[in-house]
N, C-alpha and C. Protein backbone atom coordinates (compact mmCIF):
# COMPACT_ATOMS: atom_id res chain seq x y z
N MET A 1 170.05 64.81 206.07
CA MET A 1 169.85 63.51 205.44
C MET A 1 170.60 63.52 204.12
N ASN A 2 171.51 62.50 204.00
CA ASN A 2 172.29 62.45 202.77
C ASN A 2 171.52 61.74 201.69
N ALA A 3 172.12 61.68 200.52
CA ALA A 3 171.45 61.09 199.35
C ALA A 3 171.22 59.61 199.53
N LYS A 4 172.12 58.93 200.24
CA LYS A 4 171.97 57.50 200.43
C LYS A 4 170.75 57.20 201.28
N GLN A 5 170.54 58.00 202.32
CA GLN A 5 169.38 57.80 203.18
C GLN A 5 168.08 58.06 202.45
N VAL A 6 168.09 59.08 201.58
CA VAL A 6 166.90 59.40 200.78
C VAL A 6 166.58 58.24 199.86
N GLY A 7 167.58 57.65 199.27
CA GLY A 7 167.37 56.52 198.36
C GLY A 7 166.77 55.33 199.07
N TRP A 8 167.28 55.03 200.30
CA TRP A 8 166.70 53.93 201.07
C TRP A 8 165.24 54.21 201.46
N GLY A 9 164.97 55.46 201.72
CA GLY A 9 163.58 55.81 202.09
C GLY A 9 162.62 55.59 200.93
N LEU A 10 163.06 55.98 199.76
CA LEU A 10 162.21 55.79 198.58
C LEU A 10 162.00 54.32 198.27
N ALA A 11 163.04 53.54 198.47
CA ALA A 11 162.94 52.09 198.23
C ALA A 11 161.94 51.46 199.18
N LEU A 12 161.99 51.88 200.44
CA LEU A 12 161.06 51.34 201.42
C LEU A 12 159.60 51.70 201.08
N LEU A 13 159.43 52.93 200.64
CA LEU A 13 158.08 53.35 200.25
C LEU A 13 157.56 52.53 199.08
N TRP A 14 158.41 52.26 198.14
CA TRP A 14 158.00 51.48 196.95
C TRP A 14 157.63 50.06 197.35
N LEU A 15 158.43 49.49 198.20
CA LEU A 15 158.15 48.13 198.66
C LEU A 15 156.85 48.08 199.47
N THR A 16 156.64 49.12 200.25
CA THR A 16 155.40 49.17 201.04
C THR A 16 154.19 49.21 200.13
N GLY A 17 154.27 50.01 199.04
CA GLY A 17 153.16 50.09 198.10
C GLY A 17 152.91 48.78 197.39
N CYS A 18 153.99 48.10 197.02
CA CYS A 18 153.84 46.81 196.34
C CYS A 18 153.25 45.75 197.26
N ALA A 19 153.46 45.90 198.48
CA ALA A 19 153.00 44.89 199.43
C ALA A 19 151.59 45.15 199.93
N THR A 20 150.92 46.21 199.38
CA THR A 20 149.55 46.53 199.83
C THR A 20 148.62 45.39 199.45
N PRO A 21 147.87 44.85 200.37
CA PRO A 21 147.00 43.70 200.07
C PRO A 21 145.83 44.09 199.18
N GLY A 22 145.34 43.14 198.31
CA GLY A 22 144.19 43.38 197.44
C GLY A 22 142.91 43.43 198.26
N PRO A 23 141.74 43.62 197.54
CA PRO A 23 140.45 43.71 198.25
C PRO A 23 140.11 42.40 198.93
N THR A 24 139.52 42.51 200.06
CA THR A 24 139.13 41.33 200.82
C THR A 24 137.87 40.73 200.21
N GLN A 25 137.44 39.54 200.66
CA GLN A 25 136.24 38.87 200.16
C GLN A 25 135.00 39.70 200.43
N GLN A 26 134.98 40.34 201.59
CA GLN A 26 133.83 41.18 201.93
C GLN A 26 133.71 42.36 200.97
N GLU A 27 134.89 42.95 200.64
CA GLU A 27 134.88 44.08 199.72
C GLU A 27 134.42 43.63 198.33
N GLN A 28 134.83 42.41 197.92
CA GLN A 28 134.42 41.89 196.62
C GLN A 28 132.91 41.68 196.58
N ILE A 29 132.33 41.18 197.67
CA ILE A 29 130.90 40.99 197.74
C ILE A 29 130.16 42.32 197.65
N GLN A 30 130.69 43.30 198.38
CA GLN A 30 130.08 44.63 198.33
C GLN A 30 130.13 45.21 196.93
N LEU A 31 131.24 45.00 196.23
CA LEU A 31 131.40 45.50 194.86
C LEU A 31 130.40 44.82 193.92
N GLN A 32 130.20 43.50 194.10
CA GLN A 32 129.24 42.78 193.27
C GLN A 32 127.82 43.28 193.52
N VAL A 33 127.51 43.50 194.80
CA VAL A 33 126.18 44.01 195.15
C VAL A 33 125.95 45.38 194.52
N GLN A 34 126.97 46.24 194.61
CA GLN A 34 126.85 47.56 194.01
C GLN A 34 126.65 47.48 192.50
N THR A 35 127.41 46.57 191.86
CA THR A 35 127.30 46.40 190.41
C THR A 35 125.90 45.91 190.02
N GLN A 36 125.38 44.92 190.78
CA GLN A 36 124.05 44.41 190.50
C GLN A 36 122.99 45.50 190.70
N ALA A 37 123.18 46.31 191.74
CA ALA A 37 122.22 47.38 192.00
C ALA A 37 122.23 48.39 190.86
N GLN A 38 123.44 48.70 190.37
CA GLN A 38 123.54 49.64 189.25
C GLN A 38 122.87 49.07 187.99
N GLU A 39 123.07 47.77 187.74
CA GLU A 39 122.46 47.14 186.58
C GLU A 39 120.94 47.13 186.70
N GLN A 40 120.45 46.83 187.92
CA GLN A 40 119.00 46.86 188.13
C GLN A 40 118.44 48.26 187.93
N ALA A 41 119.18 49.26 188.39
CA ALA A 41 118.73 50.64 188.23
C ALA A 41 118.67 51.02 186.74
N ARG A 42 119.69 50.60 185.98
CA ARG A 42 119.70 50.88 184.55
C ARG A 42 118.54 50.16 183.84
N ALA A 43 118.28 48.90 184.27
CA ALA A 43 117.18 48.14 183.68
C ALA A 43 115.83 48.80 183.99
N GLN A 44 115.68 49.28 185.23
CA GLN A 44 114.44 49.96 185.59
C GLN A 44 114.27 51.26 184.79
N THR A 45 115.36 51.99 184.63
CA THR A 45 115.30 53.23 183.86
C THR A 45 114.91 52.95 182.40
N LEU A 46 115.51 51.88 181.84
CA LEU A 46 115.19 51.50 180.47
C LEU A 46 113.73 51.09 180.33
N GLU A 47 113.23 50.34 181.30
CA GLU A 47 111.83 49.90 181.26
C GLU A 47 110.88 51.09 181.40
N GLN A 48 111.25 52.04 182.27
CA GLN A 48 110.44 53.25 182.42
C GLN A 48 110.41 54.05 181.12
N THR A 49 111.56 54.13 180.44
CA THR A 49 111.62 54.85 179.17
C THR A 49 110.74 54.18 178.12
N ARG A 50 110.79 52.85 178.10
CA ARG A 50 109.94 52.12 177.15
C ARG A 50 108.47 52.30 177.47
N ALA A 51 108.14 52.27 178.74
CA ALA A 51 106.75 52.45 179.15
C ALA A 51 106.24 53.83 178.76
N GLN A 52 107.08 54.85 178.97
CA GLN A 52 106.70 56.21 178.58
C GLN A 52 106.50 56.31 177.07
N ALA A 53 107.38 55.64 176.31
CA ALA A 53 107.25 55.65 174.86
C ALA A 53 105.95 54.98 174.42
N ARG A 54 105.60 53.86 175.09
CA ARG A 54 104.35 53.18 174.76
C ARG A 54 103.14 54.06 175.08
N GLU A 55 103.20 54.74 176.22
CA GLU A 55 102.10 55.62 176.61
C GLU A 55 101.95 56.78 175.61
N GLN A 56 103.08 57.34 175.19
CA GLN A 56 103.04 58.44 174.23
C GLN A 56 102.48 57.97 172.89
N ALA A 57 102.89 56.77 172.47
CA ALA A 57 102.39 56.23 171.20
C ALA A 57 100.89 55.97 171.28
N LEU A 58 100.43 55.44 172.42
CA LEU A 58 99.01 55.20 172.61
C LEU A 58 98.22 56.50 172.63
N GLU A 59 98.78 57.51 173.29
CA GLU A 59 98.12 58.81 173.34
C GLU A 59 98.00 59.42 171.95
N GLN A 60 99.09 59.32 171.16
CA GLN A 60 99.06 59.84 169.80
C GLN A 60 98.04 59.09 168.95
N ALA A 61 97.95 57.77 169.16
CA ALA A 61 96.99 56.97 168.40
C ALA A 61 95.56 57.38 168.75
N LEU A 62 95.30 57.64 170.04
CA LEU A 62 93.96 58.06 170.46
C LEU A 62 93.62 59.43 169.88
N ILE A 63 94.60 60.34 169.89
CA ILE A 63 94.38 61.68 169.33
C ILE A 63 94.07 61.58 167.83
N GLN A 64 94.83 60.73 167.13
CA GLN A 64 94.61 60.56 165.70
C GLN A 64 93.24 59.94 165.42
N ALA A 65 92.85 58.98 166.26
CA ALA A 65 91.54 58.35 166.08
C ALA A 65 90.42 59.36 166.31
N GLN A 66 90.58 60.19 167.34
CA GLN A 66 89.58 61.22 167.60
C GLN A 66 89.51 62.23 166.47
N LYS A 67 90.68 62.56 165.92
CA LYS A 67 90.72 63.50 164.80
C LYS A 67 90.01 62.91 163.58
N GLN A 68 90.28 61.64 163.29
CA GLN A 68 89.63 61.00 162.16
C GLN A 68 88.12 60.91 162.35
N GLU A 69 87.72 60.60 163.60
CA GLU A 69 86.29 60.53 163.89
C GLU A 69 85.63 61.89 163.71
N GLN A 70 86.34 62.95 164.13
CA GLN A 70 85.80 64.29 163.99
C GLN A 70 85.70 64.69 162.53
N GLU A 71 86.69 64.25 161.72
CA GLU A 71 86.66 64.57 160.30
C GLU A 71 85.50 63.90 159.59
N GLN A 72 85.03 62.78 160.13
CA GLN A 72 83.91 62.08 159.53
C GLN A 72 82.58 62.76 159.86
N LYS A 73 82.60 63.74 160.75
CA LYS A 73 81.39 64.48 161.08
C LYS A 73 81.39 65.81 160.35
N LEU A 74 80.20 66.32 160.13
CA LEU A 74 80.05 67.57 159.38
C LEU A 74 79.52 68.65 160.32
N SER A 75 80.37 69.63 160.61
CA SER A 75 80.00 70.72 161.50
C SER A 75 79.68 71.97 160.67
N ALA A 76 79.14 72.98 161.34
CA ALA A 76 78.80 74.22 160.65
C ALA A 76 80.05 74.91 160.10
N SER A 77 81.14 74.88 160.86
CA SER A 77 82.38 75.51 160.40
C SER A 77 82.93 74.80 159.16
N ARG A 78 82.84 73.46 159.14
CA ARG A 78 83.30 72.71 157.96
C ARG A 78 82.39 72.97 156.77
N LEU A 79 81.10 73.16 157.04
CA LEU A 79 80.14 73.48 155.99
C LEU A 79 80.50 74.81 155.33
N LEU A 80 80.79 75.80 156.15
CA LEU A 80 81.14 77.12 155.63
C LEU A 80 82.45 77.07 154.86
N ALA A 81 83.42 76.34 155.40
CA ALA A 81 84.70 76.22 154.71
C ALA A 81 84.53 75.54 153.35
N GLY A 82 83.66 74.54 153.29
CA GLY A 82 83.40 73.87 152.02
C GLY A 82 82.77 74.79 150.99
N LEU A 83 81.82 75.61 151.43
CA LEU A 83 81.18 76.57 150.53
C LEU A 83 82.20 77.57 149.96
N GLN A 84 83.07 78.07 150.83
CA GLN A 84 84.08 79.03 150.39
C GLN A 84 85.08 78.38 149.44
N HIS A 85 85.45 77.16 149.74
CA HIS A 85 86.43 76.46 148.90
C HIS A 85 85.89 76.21 147.50
N VAL A 86 84.67 75.71 147.42
CA VAL A 86 84.07 75.40 146.11
C VAL A 86 83.84 76.68 145.31
N ALA A 87 83.45 77.75 146.01
CA ALA A 87 83.20 79.02 145.31
C ALA A 87 84.48 79.58 144.67
N ALA A 88 85.64 79.26 145.25
CA ALA A 88 86.90 79.79 144.75
C ALA A 88 87.56 78.89 143.71
N LEU A 89 86.98 77.72 143.44
CA LEU A 89 87.60 76.78 142.52
C LEU A 89 87.43 77.21 141.07
N LYS A 90 88.46 76.98 140.29
CA LYS A 90 88.35 77.19 138.85
C LYS A 90 87.67 75.98 138.21
N PRO A 91 86.99 76.17 137.09
CA PRO A 91 86.25 75.05 136.46
C PRO A 91 87.13 73.83 136.19
N LYS A 92 88.36 74.04 135.78
CA LYS A 92 89.25 72.92 135.47
C LYS A 92 89.55 72.11 136.73
N ILE A 93 89.83 72.80 137.84
CA ILE A 93 90.12 72.11 139.11
C ILE A 93 88.87 71.40 139.61
N ALA A 94 87.72 72.03 139.46
CA ALA A 94 86.47 71.41 139.90
C ALA A 94 86.22 70.10 139.14
N LYS A 95 86.48 70.12 137.85
CA LYS A 95 86.29 68.90 137.05
C LYS A 95 87.26 67.81 137.49
N GLN A 96 88.50 68.18 137.80
CA GLN A 96 89.48 67.21 138.27
C GLN A 96 89.04 66.58 139.60
N MET A 97 88.46 67.39 140.49
CA MET A 97 87.99 66.87 141.77
C MET A 97 86.85 65.89 141.57
N ILE A 98 85.95 66.18 140.64
CA ILE A 98 84.84 65.27 140.37
C ILE A 98 85.36 63.96 139.80
N ASP A 99 86.32 64.05 138.88
CA ASP A 99 86.88 62.83 138.28
C ASP A 99 87.62 62.00 139.32
N HIS A 100 88.37 62.67 140.22
CA HIS A 100 89.12 61.95 141.25
C HIS A 100 88.19 61.28 142.25
N SER A 101 87.05 61.88 142.49
CA SER A 101 86.12 61.33 143.49
C SER A 101 85.57 59.98 143.05
N LYS A 102 85.59 59.68 141.76
CA LYS A 102 85.05 58.41 141.29
C LYS A 102 85.94 57.24 141.67
N THR A 103 87.23 57.52 141.92
CA THR A 103 88.16 56.44 142.28
C THR A 103 88.54 56.45 143.75
N GLY A 104 88.43 57.60 144.43
CA GLY A 104 88.84 57.67 145.84
C GLY A 104 87.71 57.97 146.78
N ALA A 105 86.52 57.45 146.48
CA ALA A 105 85.35 57.75 147.31
C ALA A 105 85.49 57.22 148.72
N ALA A 106 86.19 56.09 148.90
CA ALA A 106 86.30 55.48 150.22
C ALA A 106 87.14 56.32 151.18
N GLU A 107 88.01 57.18 150.65
CA GLU A 107 88.92 57.96 151.48
C GLU A 107 88.37 59.35 151.81
N GLN A 108 87.18 59.68 151.34
CA GLN A 108 86.65 61.01 151.52
C GLN A 108 86.05 61.19 152.91
N THR A 109 86.27 62.37 153.47
CA THR A 109 85.65 62.73 154.74
C THR A 109 84.27 63.32 154.45
N ALA A 110 83.52 63.61 155.51
CA ALA A 110 82.20 64.20 155.33
C ALA A 110 82.31 65.56 154.66
N GLY A 111 83.33 66.32 155.02
CA GLY A 111 83.54 67.63 154.39
C GLY A 111 83.85 67.50 152.91
N ASP A 112 84.65 66.50 152.55
CA ASP A 112 84.96 66.26 151.14
C ASP A 112 83.70 65.91 150.36
N ARG A 113 82.85 65.07 150.95
CA ARG A 113 81.63 64.66 150.27
C ARG A 113 80.66 65.84 150.11
N PHE A 114 80.65 66.73 151.09
CA PHE A 114 79.79 67.91 150.96
C PHE A 114 80.27 68.80 149.82
N GLU A 115 81.57 69.00 149.72
CA GLU A 115 82.11 69.80 148.61
C GLU A 115 81.78 69.14 147.27
N LEU A 116 81.83 67.82 147.24
CA LEU A 116 81.50 67.10 146.00
C LEU A 116 80.03 67.30 145.64
N VAL A 117 79.15 67.32 146.64
CA VAL A 117 77.74 67.58 146.38
C VAL A 117 77.56 68.95 145.73
N LEU A 118 78.27 69.94 146.25
CA LEU A 118 78.17 71.29 145.69
C LEU A 118 78.66 71.32 144.25
N LEU A 119 79.74 70.60 143.97
CA LEU A 119 80.28 70.57 142.61
C LEU A 119 79.32 69.86 141.65
N LEU A 120 78.76 68.75 142.11
CA LEU A 120 77.87 67.98 141.25
C LEU A 120 76.54 68.68 141.02
N SER A 121 76.16 69.55 141.92
CA SER A 121 74.85 70.22 141.81
C SER A 121 74.91 71.49 140.99
N GLN A 122 76.06 71.84 140.46
CA GLN A 122 76.16 73.02 139.61
C GLN A 122 75.34 72.82 138.35
N LYS A 123 74.84 73.91 137.78
CA LYS A 123 73.93 73.82 136.64
C LYS A 123 74.61 73.31 135.38
N ALA A 124 75.93 73.33 135.36
CA ALA A 124 76.63 72.90 134.15
C ALA A 124 76.71 71.38 134.02
N VAL A 125 76.41 70.66 135.10
CA VAL A 125 76.55 69.21 135.07
C VAL A 125 75.29 68.56 134.51
N ASP A 126 75.39 67.25 134.21
CA ASP A 126 74.26 66.55 133.63
C ASP A 126 73.36 65.96 134.71
N ASP A 127 72.29 65.30 134.26
CA ASP A 127 71.31 64.73 135.19
C ASP A 127 71.91 63.59 136.02
N LYS A 128 72.85 62.85 135.43
CA LYS A 128 73.48 61.75 136.15
C LYS A 128 74.26 62.27 137.36
N ALA A 129 74.97 63.39 137.19
CA ALA A 129 75.72 63.99 138.30
C ALA A 129 74.78 64.51 139.37
N LEU A 130 73.64 65.07 138.95
CA LEU A 130 72.66 65.57 139.91
C LEU A 130 72.10 64.43 140.75
N LYS A 131 71.86 63.30 140.13
CA LYS A 131 71.36 62.13 140.86
C LYS A 131 72.41 61.65 141.86
N ARG A 132 73.68 61.68 141.49
CA ARG A 132 74.75 61.28 142.40
C ARG A 132 74.84 62.21 143.60
N ALA A 133 74.63 63.50 143.35
CA ALA A 133 74.66 64.48 144.45
C ALA A 133 73.58 64.17 145.47
N LEU A 134 72.40 63.80 145.00
CA LEU A 134 71.31 63.45 145.92
C LEU A 134 71.64 62.20 146.71
N GLN A 135 72.30 61.24 146.10
CA GLN A 135 72.69 60.03 146.81
C GLN A 135 73.72 60.34 147.90
N LEU A 136 74.65 61.24 147.62
CA LEU A 136 75.65 61.62 148.62
C LEU A 136 75.01 62.32 149.81
N LEU A 137 73.97 63.09 149.55
CA LEU A 137 73.30 63.81 150.63
C LEU A 137 72.66 62.85 151.63
N ASP A 138 72.26 61.67 151.19
CA ASP A 138 71.65 60.70 152.10
C ASP A 138 72.58 60.37 153.26
N GLY A 139 73.88 60.15 152.95
CA GLY A 139 74.83 59.83 154.00
C GLY A 139 75.27 61.03 154.81
N LEU A 140 75.26 62.20 154.21
CA LEU A 140 75.73 63.39 154.92
C LEU A 140 74.81 63.78 156.06
N GLU A 141 73.53 63.59 155.91
CA GLU A 141 72.60 63.98 156.98
C GLU A 141 72.88 63.17 158.24
N ALA A 142 73.32 61.93 158.09
CA ALA A 142 73.65 61.11 159.26
C ALA A 142 74.95 61.57 159.92
N ASP A 143 75.85 62.23 159.15
CA ASP A 143 77.13 62.68 159.69
C ASP A 143 77.06 64.09 160.27
N ALA A 144 75.94 64.75 160.16
CA ALA A 144 75.81 66.11 160.68
C ALA A 144 75.76 66.09 162.20
N VAL A 145 76.55 66.96 162.84
CA VAL A 145 76.62 66.99 164.30
C VAL A 145 75.74 68.08 164.90
N GLU A 146 75.20 68.95 164.07
CA GLU A 146 74.40 70.06 164.57
C GLU A 146 73.07 70.10 163.83
N THR A 147 72.03 70.54 164.53
CA THR A 147 70.70 70.62 163.93
C THR A 147 70.68 71.59 162.76
N SER A 148 71.39 72.71 162.90
CA SER A 148 71.43 73.71 161.84
C SER A 148 72.04 73.14 160.56
N VAL A 149 73.05 72.27 160.73
CA VAL A 149 73.68 71.65 159.56
C VAL A 149 72.70 70.72 158.86
N ARG A 150 71.95 69.95 159.64
CA ARG A 150 70.95 69.05 159.04
C ARG A 150 69.89 69.84 158.29
N GLU A 151 69.49 70.99 158.84
CA GLU A 151 68.49 71.82 158.17
C GLU A 151 69.03 72.35 156.84
N ILE A 152 70.30 72.74 156.84
CA ILE A 152 70.90 73.23 155.59
C ILE A 152 70.97 72.12 154.55
N LEU A 153 71.33 70.92 155.00
CA LEU A 153 71.40 69.79 154.07
C LEU A 153 70.02 69.45 153.50
N ARG A 154 69.00 69.53 154.35
CA ARG A 154 67.63 69.27 153.86
C ARG A 154 67.21 70.33 152.84
N LEU A 155 67.59 71.58 153.11
CA LEU A 155 67.27 72.66 152.17
C LEU A 155 67.99 72.44 150.84
N LEU A 156 69.23 72.01 150.92
CA LEU A 156 69.99 71.71 149.70
C LEU A 156 69.34 70.56 148.94
N ARG A 157 68.90 69.55 149.66
CA ARG A 157 68.22 68.42 149.01
C ARG A 157 66.94 68.88 148.31
N ARG A 158 66.18 69.75 148.99
CA ARG A 158 64.94 70.25 148.39
C ARG A 158 65.23 71.01 147.09
N ASN A 159 66.29 71.81 147.12
CA ASN A 159 66.65 72.57 145.91
C ASN A 159 67.09 71.65 144.78
N LEU A 160 67.84 70.60 145.13
CA LEU A 160 68.28 69.66 144.10
C LEU A 160 67.10 68.89 143.51
N LEU A 161 66.14 68.54 144.36
CA LEU A 161 64.96 67.85 143.85
C LEU A 161 64.16 68.76 142.93
N LEU A 162 64.05 70.04 143.28
CA LEU A 162 63.37 71.00 142.41
C LEU A 162 64.11 71.15 141.08
N GLU A 163 65.43 71.19 141.16
CA GLU A 163 66.23 71.29 139.94
C GLU A 163 66.03 70.05 139.07
N GLN A 164 65.99 68.89 139.72
CA GLN A 164 65.77 67.65 138.98
C GLN A 164 64.39 67.66 138.31
N GLN A 165 63.38 68.13 139.05
CA GLN A 165 62.04 68.19 138.50
C GLN A 165 61.98 69.21 137.35
N TYR A 166 62.65 70.34 137.52
CA TYR A 166 62.66 71.38 136.48
C TYR A 166 63.28 70.85 135.19
N ARG A 167 64.38 70.10 135.33
CA ARG A 167 65.03 69.55 134.14
C ARG A 167 64.13 68.52 133.47
N SER A 168 63.43 67.74 134.27
CA SER A 168 62.51 66.76 133.70
C SER A 168 61.40 67.45 132.93
N GLU A 169 60.86 68.54 133.49
CA GLU A 169 59.81 69.28 132.80
C GLU A 169 60.36 69.93 131.53
N GLN A 170 61.60 70.38 131.58
CA GLN A 170 62.22 70.96 130.38
C GLN A 170 62.31 69.92 129.26
N ARG A 171 62.71 68.71 129.62
CA ARG A 171 62.80 67.66 128.61
C ARG A 171 61.43 67.35 128.02
N LYS A 172 60.43 67.26 128.89
CA LYS A 172 59.08 66.99 128.39
C LYS A 172 58.59 68.11 127.49
N THR A 173 58.87 69.36 127.88
CA THR A 173 58.46 70.49 127.06
C THR A 173 59.16 70.47 125.71
N ALA A 174 60.45 70.14 125.71
CA ALA A 174 61.20 70.08 124.45
C ALA A 174 60.65 68.98 123.55
N GLU A 175 60.34 67.82 124.16
CA GLU A 175 59.78 66.72 123.37
C GLU A 175 58.41 67.10 122.80
N LEU A 176 57.59 67.78 123.62
CA LEU A 176 56.27 68.20 123.17
C LEU A 176 56.38 69.23 122.06
N GLN A 177 57.32 70.16 122.21
CA GLN A 177 57.51 71.18 121.18
C GLN A 177 57.97 70.54 119.87
N GLU A 178 58.81 69.53 119.99
CA GLU A 178 59.27 68.83 118.79
C GLU A 178 58.10 68.13 118.08
N LYS A 179 57.21 67.53 118.86
CA LYS A 179 56.04 66.88 118.26
C LYS A 179 55.11 67.91 117.62
N ILE A 180 54.95 69.06 118.27
CA ILE A 180 54.09 70.11 117.71
C ILE A 180 54.65 70.60 116.37
N GLU A 181 55.97 70.82 116.33
CA GLU A 181 56.58 71.26 115.08
C GLU A 181 56.42 70.21 113.99
N TYR A 182 56.51 68.96 114.37
CA TYR A 182 56.34 67.88 113.39
C TYR A 182 54.91 67.87 112.85
N LEU A 183 53.93 68.05 113.74
CA LEU A 183 52.53 68.09 113.30
C LEU A 183 52.26 69.31 112.43
N LYS A 184 52.87 70.44 112.77
CA LYS A 184 52.71 71.65 111.95
C LYS A 184 53.25 71.41 110.54
N GLY A 185 54.37 70.70 110.48
CA GLY A 185 54.94 70.40 109.17
C GLY A 185 54.01 69.51 108.35
N LEU A 186 53.42 68.52 109.01
CA LEU A 186 52.46 67.66 108.31
C LEU A 186 51.25 68.46 107.84
N GLU A 187 50.82 69.38 108.71
CA GLU A 187 49.66 70.20 108.35
C GLU A 187 49.95 71.07 107.14
N ARG A 188 51.14 71.66 107.07
CA ARG A 188 51.51 72.49 105.92
C ARG A 188 51.57 71.64 104.65
N GLU A 189 52.13 70.45 104.77
CA GLU A 189 52.21 69.57 103.60
C GLU A 189 50.81 69.19 103.11
N LEU A 190 49.91 68.91 104.08
CA LEU A 190 48.55 68.54 103.70
C LEU A 190 47.83 69.70 103.02
N GLU A 191 47.98 70.92 103.52
CA GLU A 191 47.35 72.09 102.92
C GLU A 191 47.88 72.32 101.50
N GLU A 192 49.17 72.15 101.33
CA GLU A 192 49.76 72.32 100.01
C GLU A 192 49.21 71.28 99.04
N THR A 193 49.06 70.07 99.54
CA THR A 193 48.51 69.01 98.68
C THR A 193 47.07 69.32 98.29
N ASN A 194 46.28 69.82 99.24
CA ASN A 194 44.88 70.15 98.97
C ASN A 194 44.77 71.29 97.96
N ARG A 195 45.64 72.28 98.09
CA ARG A 195 45.59 73.38 97.14
C ARG A 195 45.89 72.91 95.72
N ARG A 196 46.84 72.02 95.59
CA ARG A 196 47.17 71.53 94.26
C ARG A 196 46.01 70.72 93.66
N MET A 197 45.33 69.98 94.55
CA MET A 197 44.22 69.16 94.05
C MET A 197 43.01 70.02 93.69
N GLU A 198 42.78 71.12 94.41
CA GLU A 198 41.62 71.97 94.16
C GLU A 198 41.85 72.97 93.04
N ALA A 199 43.03 73.20 92.62
CA ALA A 199 43.31 74.18 91.55
C ALA A 199 42.72 73.67 90.24
N PRO A 200 41.97 74.54 89.43
CA PRO A 200 41.39 74.11 88.15
C PRO A 200 42.47 73.76 87.15
N SER A 201 42.22 72.71 86.41
CA SER A 201 43.20 72.30 85.41
C SER A 201 43.11 73.18 84.18
N SER A 202 44.14 73.43 83.48
CA SER A 202 44.16 74.29 82.28
C SER A 202 43.35 73.62 81.17
N PRO A 203 42.46 74.40 80.42
CA PRO A 203 41.65 73.81 79.34
C PRO A 203 42.52 73.35 78.17
N THR A 204 42.08 72.28 77.52
CA THR A 204 42.83 71.74 76.38
C THR A 204 42.58 72.61 75.16
N PRO A 205 43.57 73.15 74.52
CA PRO A 205 43.37 74.03 73.34
C PRO A 205 42.71 73.27 72.20
N GLU A 206 41.77 73.97 71.49
CA GLU A 206 41.06 73.37 70.36
C GLU A 206 41.95 73.35 69.13
N LEU A 207 41.80 72.29 68.35
CA LEU A 207 42.57 72.15 67.12
C LEU A 207 41.91 72.99 66.01
N PRO A 208 42.68 73.64 65.14
CA PRO A 208 42.10 74.45 64.04
C PRO A 208 41.36 73.54 63.02
N ARG A 209 40.25 74.06 62.41
CA ARG A 209 39.47 73.31 61.43
C ARG A 209 39.95 73.59 60.01
């Protein structure tokens, strides 16, 4: 085969390729159906992804709600942790916690309120703080999830009431002692006055004659 024949063959092949007919109507319909099916599949996949995301968000919300509900309850383990935490606090930090509790009481969990009771019931605090500790205990007994915890809270309440009574008796004793000292002072003044009145007066010297 010479070069001329090869050239004609290539030309015929090129013309044959150019003359290839486009897709038929049936093929176009099939292509549209395939495209629609692919779009529907993508839409279904997207909807499934969104549904899974909603389910995960709902599950996380339920877990968080359960956690918050659990935090509002007072268990024996939380009681022990609170005791250990308060025991390790420095006086400056303890005072800061008491001051902060006056503004953020609504955000406190049952465990936080128990720790605050322990801080307020320390002997260094005043009678007003002791009264506040007793008020906090009223709500804590309702948040206790175990009988042993309620018994401990009742024992703590009994001790605080005894402490309150002891301080009241101390004040009465101090007031009584102050009155006794005042009466003793009056008695000493009265005795001194009586001695001066009972002492014989010095005789008047006689004039020379």
